[in-house]
Amino acid sequence: MSLHTSDRRSFERHIAFARPTIVLLSLLALLEWPGTKPGSRALVFIVTYFFLALLIIVAERILESRNWLFPLVLDLFALAVFLYLSPSQVAVWFPYLFVAYATGSRWGIRPAVFLLGVLSLALVFRTAFQGQLHWMRVIGWVSLVAATFAAGAGLAFLGDRNRRYASENEFFARISSTLQVDQGLAESLRLLLDELAAEFHSEEALLAYRDQELERIFLWRVKSGESERIIPENLPLSRADGFLLDDMDATVCWNSLENTGTGFGWDRRNGRPLKTLPRLPGPAQQELRLRSLMSVTYEQDRQPVGRFFVLNGRRPFTREDLDWLDRIVIHLTASLENLFLLRHMRARAIEGERSRISRDLHDGILQTLLSIEIQLDVLRRKFSAAPDQVASGLATLQQTVRNESAELRHLVTDLRPLRVQSADLVDLMRGFAERFRNESPLALDLIIDSVEVHASDRVCREIFQIYREALNNIKKHAKASHVVVKLSQDDSRIVLVVDDNGEGFSFAGRFTGDELDRLRLGPISIKERTRTVSGLLTVESSPGHGARLTVEVPLG
């Protein structure tokens, strides 16, 4: 159960608990009325109603159902009977106001106002028939009708506002749950767009997103009820006006696109109505088979980057629908921005990892294979003249092939998906350190403050990957003789420090990951891995004297 659903049910329980309280107030008002006898029909009826209200509380707790109409039907029936039986006008007011609030909460303001108009007239006619209101006092009669109706309508309005608030919060909770990092951008958008199409009773929902870095427009389209994975359509920026319209600040609805069309809209910056409504070009209308649409702007970092569309409604869209869509998109902005940012970071991490693999293969095994090819050609020419030298050379080449095979095997092993749990992190780091010492002439000191690290598996996995990649980089590029690795943890963070005495980076000084990004320096993959766990990377470099890499990851 979501938090918002729990709030909604709690709100409805408040109504259930308010019912016996209101009935009790009505009972007290009845007892205070002059001439009311303990055995009168009105008194018996209101006492019975009080005990029924208590039973309704018990029944709702047992059934855990909030959609049954019996309590509200009972309230309306009880009010009608009590209106007839009660000798006191004041006693009737309490259940009348309660019914006003309950009907507004359950049915909405329009049905409640109609019902309250009928009840208000019934109350006034009752007063008139009992002789408490003189027919000649027309102004007083009208005032009484207006006051009775206004009091009930006010409570109905409050009930309707609470109902809408609970309903909107429940919807926000549902659509927010569709945006999950673990299921990826495509699946999150499929679920989100499907929810939008269902909410507005439309055939299709669409997101047009402009990626400035790639200079492309991506379209995600979902038909209502579609369950297949969606692949975005990739378009050039020249199609921007087609799918992003020619006014990114326009909030637009078209209920008909034929000829001049019928629609409305406003400027999202100031809410002023638009004199001229932007519309999709003819080819885009034909491609989407448009009959009607609503469209609002989607922002990232306070800049418009895309548009949400709800297409081909099964009923005409209203201004309330367009305003509701606008509020939904505003609510989703932060979550969507995080998803797109993560997608961008993953793309950069993949690019960095591919570059690293390409560099490792080029600088390692490819260079070795080229050297082997040259040496084999030399040995082939010497074969007839110096067979002993050829045999010795072949033995050397054979050993080289073994070494490169082992290196390639390690490279392939490092590329496999790695599962790291917090209980295993220390053992994995020690095991890799032992292997590193056996395969490298470098001296490695691994210092770990605690026997066990208390952090999420995701953090531990990234910490180990950073540790392994940093050591491999030092072995291949730093020309160091000694490396010191320290892992420590306190109540708020986990810290990894890798310190070597090699040549250092090409820059001098102390820089954070963001500063290295702006300078286009530093280890790309390590920077991205640090960001995925909300960590802080610091690199200190002294060319010719070594480098220090520090990763701090907050916990909790």
Protein backbone atom coordinates (compact mmCIF):
# COMPACT_ATOMS: atom_id res chain seq x y z
CA MET A 1 0.00 0.00 0.00
CA SER A 2 1.34 3.40 -0.94
CA LEU A 3 1.54 6.27 1.53
CA HIS A 4 -1.07 8.27 -0.40
CA THR A 5 -3.51 5.37 -0.44
CA SER A 6 -3.05 5.04 3.31
CA ASP A 7 -3.80 8.75 3.70
CA ARG A 8 -6.96 8.41 1.62
CA ARG A 9 -8.23 5.52 3.72
CA SER A 10 -7.36 7.38 6.89
CA PHE A 11 -9.41 10.34 5.63
CA GLU A 12 -12.42 8.10 4.99
CA ARG A 13 -12.07 6.61 8.47
CA HIS A 14 -12.34 10.15 9.82
CA ILE A 15 -15.73 10.44 8.13
CA ALA A 16 -16.80 7.15 9.71
CA PHE A 17 -15.77 8.37 13.16
CA ALA A 18 -17.42 11.76 12.58
CA ARG A 19 -20.82 10.12 11.93
CA PRO A 20 -21.61 9.00 15.54
CA THR A 21 -20.23 12.31 16.85
CA ILE A 22 -22.63 14.29 14.64
CA VAL A 23 -25.53 12.00 15.57
CA LEU A 24 -24.71 12.50 19.25
CA LEU A 25 -24.81 16.29 18.81
CA SER A 26 -28.17 15.93 17.10
CA LEU A 27 -29.37 13.81 20.03
CA LEU A 28 -28.29 16.46 22.53
CA ALA A 29 -30.05 19.18 20.52
CA LEU A 30 -33.19 17.05 20.49
CA LEU A 31 -33.09 16.50 24.27
CA GLU A 32 -32.77 20.26 24.78
CA TRP A 33 -35.90 20.93 22.72
CA PRO A 34 -38.84 21.87 24.94
CA GLY A 35 -41.51 19.23 25.17
CA THR A 36 -39.46 16.35 23.81
CA LYS A 37 -40.27 13.16 25.72
CA PRO A 38 -37.75 10.32 26.27
CA GLY A 39 -40.06 7.93 24.45
CA SER A 40 -40.77 10.09 21.39
CA ARG A 41 -40.29 8.59 17.93
CA ALA A 42 -37.57 11.08 16.96
CA LEU A 43 -35.57 10.27 20.09
CA VAL A 44 -35.82 6.50 19.52
CA PHE A 45 -34.85 6.93 15.90
CA ILE A 46 -31.77 9.05 16.60
CA VAL A 47 -30.54 6.65 19.31
CA THR A 48 -30.92 3.75 16.86
CA TYR A 49 -29.04 5.76 14.23
CA PHE A 50 -26.24 6.36 16.75
CA PHE A 51 -25.72 2.64 17.35
CA LEU A 52 -25.84 1.95 13.59
CA ALA A 53 -23.08 4.55 13.12
CA LEU A 54 -20.94 2.66 15.63
CA LEU A 55 -21.60 -0.62 13.81
CA ILE A 56 -20.55 0.97 10.51
CA ILE A 57 -17.13 1.78 12.03
CA VAL A 58 -16.68 -1.86 13.03
CA ALA A 59 -17.89 -3.12 9.63
CA GLU A 60 -15.50 -0.87 7.71
CA ARG A 61 -12.56 -2.07 9.81
CA ILE A 62 -13.48 -5.69 9.16
CA LEU A 63 -14.28 -5.41 5.46
CA GLU A 64 -11.44 -2.98 4.62
CA SER A 65 -13.61 -1.71 1.77
CA ARG A 66 -13.95 1.96 0.89
CA ASN A 67 -16.17 1.68 -2.18
CA TRP A 68 -19.44 0.46 -0.69
CA LEU A 69 -22.31 2.97 -0.75
CA PHE A 70 -24.35 1.61 2.17
CA PRO A 71 -23.17 4.18 4.80
CA LEU A 72 -23.99 7.16 2.57
CA VAL A 73 -27.34 5.68 1.52
CA LEU A 74 -28.10 5.12 5.20
CA ASP A 75 -27.22 8.76 5.96
CA LEU A 76 -29.58 10.04 3.26
CA PHE A 77 -32.40 7.76 4.41
CA ALA A 78 -31.85 8.68 8.05
CA LEU A 79 -31.86 12.39 7.23
CA ALA A 80 -35.14 12.09 5.33
CA VAL A 81 -36.81 10.16 8.18
CA PHE A 82 -35.42 12.45 10.86
CA LEU A 83 -36.52 15.49 8.89
CA TYR A 84 -40.06 14.16 9.17
CA LEU A 85 -39.89 13.01 12.82
CA SER A 86 -37.81 15.67 14.55
CA PRO A 87 -39.63 18.51 16.30
CA SER A 88 -36.36 20.49 16.43
CA GLN A 89 -35.00 22.39 13.42
CA VAL A 90 -31.58 22.65 15.10
CA ALA A 91 -31.33 18.91 15.60
CA VAL A 92 -31.84 18.34 11.85
CA TRP A 93 -29.04 20.71 10.94
CA PHE A 94 -26.32 18.42 12.28
CA PRO A 95 -27.03 15.37 10.05
CA TYR A 96 -27.80 17.74 7.16
CA LEU A 97 -24.31 19.31 7.32
CA PHE A 98 -22.71 15.90 7.75
CA VAL A 99 -24.51 14.56 4.65
CA ALA A 100 -23.34 17.65 2.75
CA TYR A 101 -19.72 16.92 3.58
CA ALA A 102 -20.02 13.15 2.97
CA THR A 103 -21.70 13.49 -0.43
CA GLY A 104 -19.12 16.05 -1.55
CA SER A 105 -16.35 13.68 -0.46
CA ARG A 106 -17.82 10.63 -2.18
CA TRP A 107 -19.66 11.94 -5.25
CA GLY A 108 -18.11 15.33 -5.95
CA ILE A 109 -19.40 18.88 -5.84
CA ARG A 110 -21.99 18.80 -8.66
CA PRO A 111 -24.17 15.89 -7.43
CA ALA A 112 -23.78 17.18 -3.88
CA VAL A 113 -24.96 20.70 -4.77
CA PHE A 114 -28.05 19.32 -6.53
CA LEU A 115 -28.89 17.13 -3.55
CA LEU A 116 -28.31 19.98 -1.09
CA GLY A 117 -30.62 22.24 -3.03
CA VAL A 118 -33.41 19.69 -2.61
CA LEU A 119 -32.64 19.18 1.09
CA SER A 120 -32.47 22.93 1.74
CA LEU A 121 -35.93 23.44 0.26
CA ALA A 122 -37.20 20.47 2.28
CA LEU A 123 -35.87 22.01 5.50
CA VAL A 124 -37.45 25.36 4.76
CA PHE A 125 -40.83 23.88 3.75
CA ARG A 126 -40.75 21.81 6.91
CA THR A 127 -40.21 24.96 8.95
CA ALA A 128 -43.01 26.70 7.13
CA PHE A 129 -45.46 23.85 7.63
CA GLN A 130 -44.65 23.76 11.35
CA GLY A 131 -45.53 27.42 11.58
CA GLN A 132 -42.06 28.57 12.62
CA LEU A 133 -41.75 30.74 9.51
CA HIS A 134 -44.45 33.21 8.50
CA TRP A 135 -45.30 33.05 4.83
CA MET A 136 -45.42 36.84 4.60
CA ARG A 137 -41.78 37.13 5.54
CA VAL A 138 -40.52 36.36 2.07
CA ILE A 139 -37.12 38.00 2.57
CA GLY A 140 -36.51 35.93 5.67
CA TRP A 141 -37.65 32.80 3.84
CA VAL A 142 -35.26 33.44 0.96
CA SER A 143 -32.43 34.20 3.38
CA LEU A 144 -33.06 30.96 5.23
CA VAL A 145 -32.98 28.98 1.99
CA ALA A 146 -29.77 30.69 0.92
CA ALA A 147 -28.07 30.24 4.29
CA THR A 148 -29.07 26.59 4.52
CA PHE A 149 -27.90 25.89 1.00
CA ALA A 150 -24.65 27.89 1.40
CA ALA A 151 -23.70 26.08 4.60
CA GLY A 152 -24.25 22.69 3.00
CA ALA A 153 -22.54 23.68 -0.26
CA GLY A 154 -19.53 24.97 1.66
CA LEU A 155 -19.08 21.67 3.47
CA ALA A 156 -19.71 19.77 0.21
CA PHE A 157 -16.97 21.85 -1.42
CA LEU A 158 -14.54 20.98 1.39
CA GLY A 159 -15.43 17.31 1.03
CA ASP A 160 -14.92 17.48 -2.74
CA ARG A 161 -11.54 19.18 -2.29
CA ASN A 162 -10.42 16.45 0.11
CA ARG A 163 -11.64 13.75 -2.26
CA ARG A 164 -9.73 15.28 -5.17
CA TYR A 165 -6.62 15.75 -3.06
CA ALA A 166 -6.66 12.11 -2.00
CA SER A 167 -7.34 10.95 -5.57
CA GLU A 168 -4.57 13.11 -7.04
CA ASN A 169 -2.05 12.00 -4.45
CA GLU A 170 -2.91 8.38 -5.14
CA PHE A 171 -2.40 8.95 -8.87
CA PHE A 172 0.90 10.77 -8.25
CA ALA A 173 2.09 7.84 -6.16
CA ARG A 174 1.12 5.39 -8.91
CA ILE A 175 2.84 7.22 -11.76
CA SER A 176 5.90 7.98 -9.65
CA SER A 177 6.26 4.25 -9.00
CA THR A 178 6.52 3.68 -12.77
CA LEU A 179 9.81 5.62 -12.90
CA GLN A 180 12.27 3.08 -11.51
CA VAL A 181 16.01 3.24 -12.13
CA ASP A 182 16.38 -0.54 -12.09
CA GLN A 183 13.89 -1.14 -14.94
CA GLY A 184 15.53 1.40 -17.23
CA LEU A 185 14.33 4.43 -19.16
CA ALA A 186 12.39 2.63 -21.93
CA GLU A 187 10.27 0.50 -19.59
CA SER A 188 9.69 3.41 -17.20
CA LEU A 189 8.44 5.60 -20.04
CA ARG A 190 6.22 2.81 -21.39
CA LEU A 191 4.49 2.46 -18.01
CA LEU A 192 4.25 6.23 -17.57
CA LEU A 193 2.78 6.91 -21.01
CA ASP A 194 0.32 4.05 -20.62
CA GLU A 195 -0.87 5.58 -17.32
CA LEU A 196 -1.31 8.98 -19.01
CA ALA A 197 -3.32 7.48 -21.87
CA ALA A 198 -5.59 5.66 -19.42
CA GLU A 199 -6.02 8.70 -17.15
CA PHE A 200 -7.26 10.93 -19.99
CA HIS A 201 -9.23 8.19 -21.82
CA SER A 202 -7.11 8.60 -24.94
CA GLU A 203 -5.82 6.18 -27.53
CA GLU A 204 -2.15 7.09 -27.30
CA ALA A 205 0.45 9.08 -25.34
CA LEU A 206 3.77 10.37 -26.65
CA LEU A 207 6.96 12.00 -25.37
CA ALA A 208 9.11 14.04 -27.77
CA TYR A 209 12.56 14.69 -26.29
CA ARG A 210 15.34 16.82 -27.76
CA ASP A 211 18.86 15.58 -26.96
CA GLN A 212 21.12 18.58 -27.48
CA GLU A 213 24.35 16.61 -27.12
CA LEU A 214 23.38 14.08 -29.78
CA GLU A 215 21.48 16.70 -31.80
CA ARG A 216 18.54 14.35 -32.25
CA ILE A 217 14.88 14.13 -31.31
CA PHE A 218 13.64 10.93 -29.68
CA LEU A 219 9.98 9.92 -29.77
CA TRP A 220 8.50 7.42 -27.32
CA ARG A 221 4.97 6.38 -28.34
CA VAL A 222 2.63 4.08 -26.40
CA LYS A 223 -0.88 3.04 -27.34
CA SER A 224 -3.30 2.56 -24.47
CA GLY A 225 -2.89 -0.89 -22.93
CA GLU A 226 0.31 -1.65 -24.87
CA SER A 227 2.64 -4.02 -23.03
CA GLU A 228 5.48 -4.48 -25.51
CA ARG A 229 8.84 -2.83 -24.91
CA ILE A 230 9.11 0.45 -26.81
CA ILE A 231 12.05 1.62 -28.90
CA PRO A 232 12.28 5.38 -29.42
CA GLU A 233 12.07 6.78 -32.91
CA ASN A 234 15.20 8.76 -33.77
CA LEU A 235 14.69 11.98 -35.78
CA PRO A 236 16.95 14.87 -36.87
CA LEU A 237 16.61 18.29 -35.20
CA SER A 238 15.06 19.60 -38.42
CA ARG A 239 11.85 17.89 -37.24
CA ALA A 240 11.86 19.94 -34.00
CA ASP A 241 9.06 22.31 -35.02
CA GLY A 242 7.01 19.34 -36.09
CA PHE A 243 6.96 17.51 -32.77
CA LEU A 244 8.02 20.23 -30.33
CA LEU A 245 5.78 22.84 -31.99
CA ASP A 246 7.10 26.29 -32.84
CA ASP A 247 6.42 27.64 -29.33
CA MET A 248 7.93 25.69 -26.45
CA ASP A 249 6.11 27.88 -23.91
CA ALA A 250 2.66 26.98 -25.22
CA THR A 251 0.32 24.69 -23.31
CA VAL A 252 -2.11 23.56 -25.99
CA CYS A 253 -5.27 21.55 -26.56
CA TRP A 254 -6.91 20.84 -29.94
CA ASN A 255 -10.25 19.05 -29.87
CA SER A 256 -10.53 19.28 -33.64
CA LEU A 257 -7.83 19.80 -36.26
CA GLU A 258 -10.05 20.03 -39.32
CA ASN A 259 -9.87 23.33 -41.22
CA THR A 260 -9.29 26.10 -38.65
CA GLY A 261 -9.89 23.62 -35.83
CA THR A 262 -11.19 24.16 -32.30
CA GLY A 263 -8.87 24.44 -29.35
CA PHE A 264 -7.53 26.51 -26.49
CA GLY A 265 -4.27 27.06 -24.62
CA TRP A 266 -2.16 29.41 -22.55
CA ASP A 267 1.42 30.57 -22.04
CA ARG A 268 2.96 28.38 -19.36
CA ARG A 269 5.07 31.29 -18.05
CA ASN A 270 2.21 33.61 -17.12
CA GLY A 271 -1.01 31.68 -17.75
CA ARG A 272 -2.30 34.15 -20.33
CA PRO A 273 -4.51 32.75 -23.13
CA LEU A 274 -2.79 32.25 -26.48
CA LYS A 275 -4.15 34.28 -29.36
CA THR A 276 -2.63 31.93 -31.93
CA LEU A 277 -2.38 28.23 -31.08
CA PRO A 278 0.59 26.27 -32.51
CA ARG A 279 -0.29 23.02 -34.18
CA LEU A 280 1.51 20.02 -35.62
CA PRO A 281 2.28 20.19 -39.36
CA GLY A 282 0.15 18.18 -41.76
CA PRO A 283 2.68 15.33 -42.27
CA ALA A 284 2.98 14.83 -38.51
CA GLN A 285 -0.82 14.84 -38.15
CA GLN A 286 -1.09 12.18 -40.82
CA GLU A 287 1.71 10.11 -39.30
CA LEU A 288 0.04 10.15 -35.88
CA ARG A 289 -3.52 9.92 -37.34
CA LEU A 290 -4.53 12.84 -35.17
CA ARG A 291 -8.08 13.83 -34.34
CA SER A 292 -7.42 15.62 -31.04
CA LEU A 293 -4.48 16.27 -28.71
CA MET A 294 -3.22 17.89 -25.54
CA SER A 295 0.44 18.93 -25.19
CA VAL A 296 2.51 20.41 -22.36
CA THR A 297 6.21 21.24 -22.15
CA TYR A 298 8.72 19.10 -20.29
CA GLU A 299 11.69 20.85 -18.65
CA GLN A 300 15.17 19.85 -17.55
CA ASP A 301 17.27 22.22 -15.49
CA ARG A 302 14.54 24.84 -16.03
CA GLN A 303 14.96 24.67 -19.79
CA PRO A 304 12.30 23.24 -22.16
CA VAL A 305 13.63 20.06 -23.75
CA GLY A 306 10.56 18.16 -24.83
CA ARG A 307 6.80 17.75 -24.94
CA PHE A 308 4.26 15.30 -23.61
CA PHE A 309 1.29 14.58 -25.86
CA VAL A 310 -2.02 12.87 -25.13
CA LEU A 311 -3.58 11.93 -28.47
CA ASN A 312 -7.07 11.13 -29.75
CA GLY A 313 -9.25 11.38 -26.67
CA ARG A 314 -12.40 9.30 -26.53
CA ARG A 315 -14.18 12.45 -25.31
CA PRO A 316 -13.46 16.17 -25.81
CA PHE A 317 -10.63 17.45 -23.62
CA THR A 318 -11.44 20.24 -21.14
CA ARG A 319 -9.39 23.03 -19.59
CA GLU A 320 -9.35 21.02 -16.37
CA ASP A 321 -7.80 18.09 -18.30
CA LEU A 322 -5.07 20.29 -19.75
CA ASP A 323 -4.31 21.85 -16.36
CA TRP A 324 -4.21 18.38 -14.77
CA LEU A 325 -1.77 17.12 -17.45
CA ASP A 326 0.42 20.17 -16.84
CA ARG A 327 0.52 19.49 -13.09
CA ILE A 328 1.32 15.81 -13.68
CA VAL A 329 4.32 16.67 -15.87
CA ILE A 330 5.56 19.24 -13.33
CA HIS A 331 5.31 16.59 -10.61
CA LEU A 332 7.31 14.11 -12.72
CA THR A 333 10.04 16.55 -13.79
CA ALA A 334 12.59 15.69 -11.08
CA SER A 335 12.17 11.91 -11.42
CA LEU A 336 12.33 12.03 -15.22
CA GLU A 337 15.38 14.28 -15.13
CA ASN A 338 17.15 11.75 -12.93
CA LEU A 339 16.28 8.94 -15.35
CA PHE A 340 17.58 10.87 -18.36
CA LEU A 341 20.71 11.86 -16.43
CA LEU A 342 21.35 8.25 -15.47
CA ARG A 343 20.83 7.22 -19.11
CA HIS A 344 23.38 9.83 -20.15
CA MET A 345 25.85 8.74 -17.47
CA ARG A 346 25.49 5.08 -18.44
CA ALA A 347 26.10 5.95 -22.07
CA ARG A 348 29.23 7.84 -21.09
CA ALA A 349 30.36 5.00 -18.84
CA ILE A 350 29.87 2.49 -21.65
CA GLU A 351 31.76 4.76 -24.03
CA GLY A 352 34.57 5.13 -21.50
CA GLU A 353 34.68 1.39 -20.89
CA ARG A 354 34.83 0.67 -24.61
CA SER A 355 37.62 3.20 -25.01
CA ARG A 356 39.52 1.57 -22.16
CA ILE A 357 39.10 -1.92 -23.64
CA SER A 358 40.13 -0.64 -27.07
CA ARG A 359 43.20 1.04 -25.57
CA ASP A 360 44.12 -2.06 -23.57
CA LEU A 361 43.82 -4.28 -26.63
CA HIS A 362 45.74 -1.86 -28.82
CA ASP A 363 48.54 -1.21 -26.34
CA GLY A 364 48.69 -4.82 -25.16
CA ILE A 365 47.86 -7.90 -27.16
CA LEU A 366 47.67 -6.22 -30.61
CA GLN A 367 51.15 -4.78 -30.22
CA THR A 368 52.40 -8.15 -29.01
CA LEU A 369 50.83 -9.95 -31.99
CA LEU A 370 52.46 -7.48 -34.36
CA SER A 371 55.80 -8.10 -32.68
CA ILE A 372 55.29 -11.88 -32.93
CA GLU A 373 54.50 -11.57 -36.63
CA ILE A 374 57.72 -9.66 -37.25
CA GLN A 375 59.83 -12.11 -35.23
CA LEU A 376 58.27 -15.10 -37.00
CA ASP A 377 59.19 -13.57 -40.36
CA VAL A 378 62.77 -13.10 -39.15
CA LEU A 379 62.96 -16.67 -37.84
CA ARG A 380 61.54 -18.05 -41.08
CA ARG A 381 64.40 -16.46 -43.00
CA LYS A 382 66.99 -17.81 -40.53
CA PHE A 383 65.57 -21.32 -40.48
CA SER A 384 67.92 -22.88 -43.04
CA ALA A 385 71.06 -21.05 -41.85
CA ALA A 386 70.73 -21.12 -38.05
CA PRO A 387 68.22 -23.74 -36.87
CA ASP A 388 69.42 -23.50 -33.24
CA GLN A 389 68.70 -19.78 -33.07
CA VAL A 390 65.28 -20.41 -34.65
CA ALA A 391 64.44 -23.02 -32.00
CA SER A 392 65.46 -20.64 -29.21
CA GLY A 393 63.45 -17.82 -30.76
CA LEU A 394 60.39 -20.04 -31.12
CA ALA A 395 60.63 -20.99 -27.43
CA THR A 396 60.70 -17.29 -26.53
CA LEU A 397 57.71 -16.58 -28.75
CA GLN A 398 55.84 -19.49 -27.21
CA GLN A 399 56.34 -18.01 -23.75
CA THR A 400 55.19 -14.63 -25.01
CA VAL A 401 52.00 -16.19 -26.38
CA ARG A 402 51.37 -17.85 -22.98
CA ASN A 403 51.80 -14.54 -21.18
CA GLU A 404 49.50 -12.72 -23.56
CA SER A 405 46.92 -15.52 -23.31
CA ALA A 406 46.93 -15.14 -19.53
CA GLU A 407 46.58 -11.35 -19.87
CA LEU A 408 43.70 -11.74 -22.30
CA ARG A 409 42.03 -14.26 -19.99
CA HIS A 410 42.26 -11.76 -17.13
CA LEU A 411 40.82 -9.03 -19.34
CA VAL A 412 37.85 -11.22 -20.28
CA THR A 413 37.35 -12.17 -16.63
CA ASP A 414 37.27 -8.52 -15.60
CA LEU A 415 34.57 -7.84 -18.19
CA ARG A 416 32.16 -10.39 -16.74
CA PRO A 417 29.27 -9.09 -14.58
CA LEU A 418 30.42 -8.94 -10.98
CA ARG A 419 28.27 -9.68 -7.95
CA VAL A 420 29.65 -8.09 -4.81
CA GLN A 421 27.92 -8.18 -1.43
CA SER A 422 28.97 -6.14 1.57
CA ALA A 423 30.06 -9.29 3.42
CA ASP A 424 32.34 -10.30 0.52
CA LEU A 425 33.98 -6.96 -0.32
CA VAL A 426 36.99 -7.27 2.01
CA ASP A 427 37.74 -10.87 0.92
CA LEU A 428 37.43 -9.93 -2.77
CA MET A 429 39.78 -6.99 -2.35
CA ARG A 430 42.36 -9.15 -0.56
CA GLY A 431 42.05 -11.89 -3.18
CA PHE A 432 42.58 -9.42 -6.03
CA ALA A 433 45.54 -7.88 -4.18
CA GLU A 434 47.18 -11.30 -3.92
CA ARG A 435 46.69 -11.95 -7.61
CA PHE A 436 47.99 -8.48 -8.43
CA ARG A 437 51.20 -9.11 -6.45
CA ASN A 438 51.77 -12.44 -8.22
CA GLU A 439 51.30 -11.00 -11.70
CA SER A 440 53.01 -7.64 -11.27
CA PRO A 441 56.41 -6.50 -10.00
CA LEU A 442 54.69 -3.69 -8.06
CA ALA A 443 54.64 -3.76 -4.25
CA LEU A 444 51.03 -3.43 -3.00
CA ASP A 445 49.99 -2.58 0.56
CA LEU A 446 46.27 -3.08 1.21
CA ILE A 447 45.09 -1.47 4.46
CA ILE A 448 41.46 -2.10 5.52
CA ASP A 449 40.24 -0.60 8.79
CA SER A 450 37.43 -3.08 9.49
CA VAL A 451 36.86 -6.76 8.92
CA GLU A 452 33.44 -6.16 7.35
CA VAL A 453 32.06 -3.21 5.40
CA HIS A 454 28.47 -2.13 6.08
CA ALA A 455 27.12 -0.66 2.84
CA SER A 456 24.66 -1.57 0.10
CA ASP A 457 25.65 -4.25 -2.42
CA ARG A 458 25.53 -1.64 -5.20
CA VAL A 459 28.02 0.61 -3.38
CA CYS A 460 30.30 -2.34 -2.64
CA ARG A 461 30.23 -3.44 -6.28
CA GLU A 462 31.23 0.00 -7.54
CA ILE A 463 33.92 0.38 -4.87
CA PHE A 464 35.48 -2.92 -5.93
CA GLN A 465 35.31 -2.04 -9.62
CA ILE A 466 37.01 1.31 -8.94
CA TYR A 467 39.68 -0.42 -6.84
CA ARG A 468 40.37 -3.02 -9.53
CA GLU A 469 40.41 -0.52 -12.39
CA ALA A 470 42.70 1.87 -10.51
CA LEU A 471 45.26 -0.89 -9.86
CA ASN A 472 45.14 -2.08 -13.49
CA ASN A 473 45.69 1.48 -14.71
CA ILE A 474 48.68 1.89 -12.39
CA LYS A 475 50.19 -1.40 -13.57
CA LYS A 476 49.87 -0.47 -17.24
CA HIS A 477 50.51 3.26 -17.33
CA ALA A 478 51.97 4.71 -14.12
CA LYS A 479 55.42 3.02 -14.13
CA ALA A 480 55.19 2.85 -10.35
CA SER A 481 57.02 0.55 -7.95
CA HIS A 482 54.78 0.86 -4.90
CA VAL A 483 51.02 1.23 -4.38
CA VAL A 484 49.13 1.80 -1.12
CA VAL A 485 45.37 1.19 -0.95
CA LYS A 486 43.33 2.20 2.11
CA LEU A 487 39.66 1.37 2.73
CA SER A 488 37.93 2.92 5.75
CA GLN A 489 34.38 3.46 6.95
CA ASP A 490 32.61 5.52 9.60
CA ASP A 491 28.96 6.19 10.40
CA SER A 492 28.42 8.51 7.44
CA ARG A 493 30.72 7.42 4.60
CA ILE A 494 33.04 4.85 3.09
CA VAL A 495 36.41 6.05 1.75
CA LEU A 496 38.78 4.40 -0.75
CA VAL A 497 42.27 5.87 -1.29
CA VAL A 498 44.71 4.60 -3.96
CA ASP A 499 48.21 6.14 -3.73
CA ASP A 500 51.15 5.32 -6.05
CA ASN A 501 54.68 6.62 -6.61
CA GLY A 502 54.60 6.50 -10.41
CA GLU A 503 54.70 9.18 -13.07
CA GLY A 504 51.33 10.68 -12.14
CA PHE A 505 48.84 12.17 -14.56
CA SER A 506 49.59 14.75 -17.23
CA PHE A 507 48.28 17.52 -14.95
CA ALA A 508 49.46 18.83 -11.60
CA GLY A 509 47.29 19.74 -8.64
CA ARG A 510 44.17 18.56 -6.82
CA PHE A 511 40.89 18.30 -8.76
CA THR A 512 37.38 16.95 -8.15
CA GLY A 513 35.56 14.76 -10.65
CA ASP A 514 33.45 17.67 -11.91
CA GLU A 515 36.57 19.82 -12.43
CA LEU A 516 38.23 16.98 -14.32
CA ASP A 517 35.13 16.73 -16.54
CA ARG A 518 35.34 20.40 -17.46
CA LEU A 519 39.07 19.99 -18.23
CA ARG A 520 38.42 16.68 -20.05
CA LEU A 521 40.99 14.96 -17.86
CA GLY A 522 41.13 11.95 -15.55
CA PRO A 523 39.85 8.34 -15.64
CA ILE A 524 36.41 8.46 -17.30
CA SER A 525 35.07 5.14 -16.07
CA ILE A 526 36.10 5.79 -12.47
CA LYS A 527 34.43 9.21 -12.56
CA GLU A 528 31.16 7.71 -13.81
CA ARG A 529 31.20 4.83 -11.34
CA THR A 530 31.69 7.29 -8.49
CA ARG A 531 28.71 9.37 -9.60
CA THR A 532 26.39 6.36 -9.85
CA VAL A 533 26.68 5.93 -6.07
CA SER A 534 26.54 9.70 -5.38
CA GLY A 535 30.20 9.70 -4.39
CA LEU A 536 32.89 12.36 -4.52
CA LEU A 537 36.07 11.71 -6.52
CA THR A 538 39.29 13.64 -5.87
CA VAL A 539 42.51 13.17 -7.87
CA GLU A 540 45.84 14.61 -6.76
CA SER A 541 48.66 14.43 -9.30
CA SER A 542 52.31 15.36 -9.18
CA PRO A 543 53.93 14.52 -12.55
CA GLY A 544 57.03 12.43 -11.98
CA HIS A 545 56.17 11.77 -8.32
CA GLY A 546 52.89 9.86 -8.35
CA ALA A 547 49.16 10.33 -7.89
CA ARG A 548 46.49 9.83 -5.27
CA LEU A 549 42.87 8.89 -6.03
CA THR A 550 40.25 9.34 -3.27
CA VAL A 551 36.63 8.17 -3.49
CA GLU A 552 34.17 9.14 -0.74
CA VAL A 553 30.71 7.57 -0.83
CA PRO A 554 28.00 8.70 1.64
CA LEU A 555 26.04 6.01 3.45
CA GLY A 556 22.34 5.98 4.10
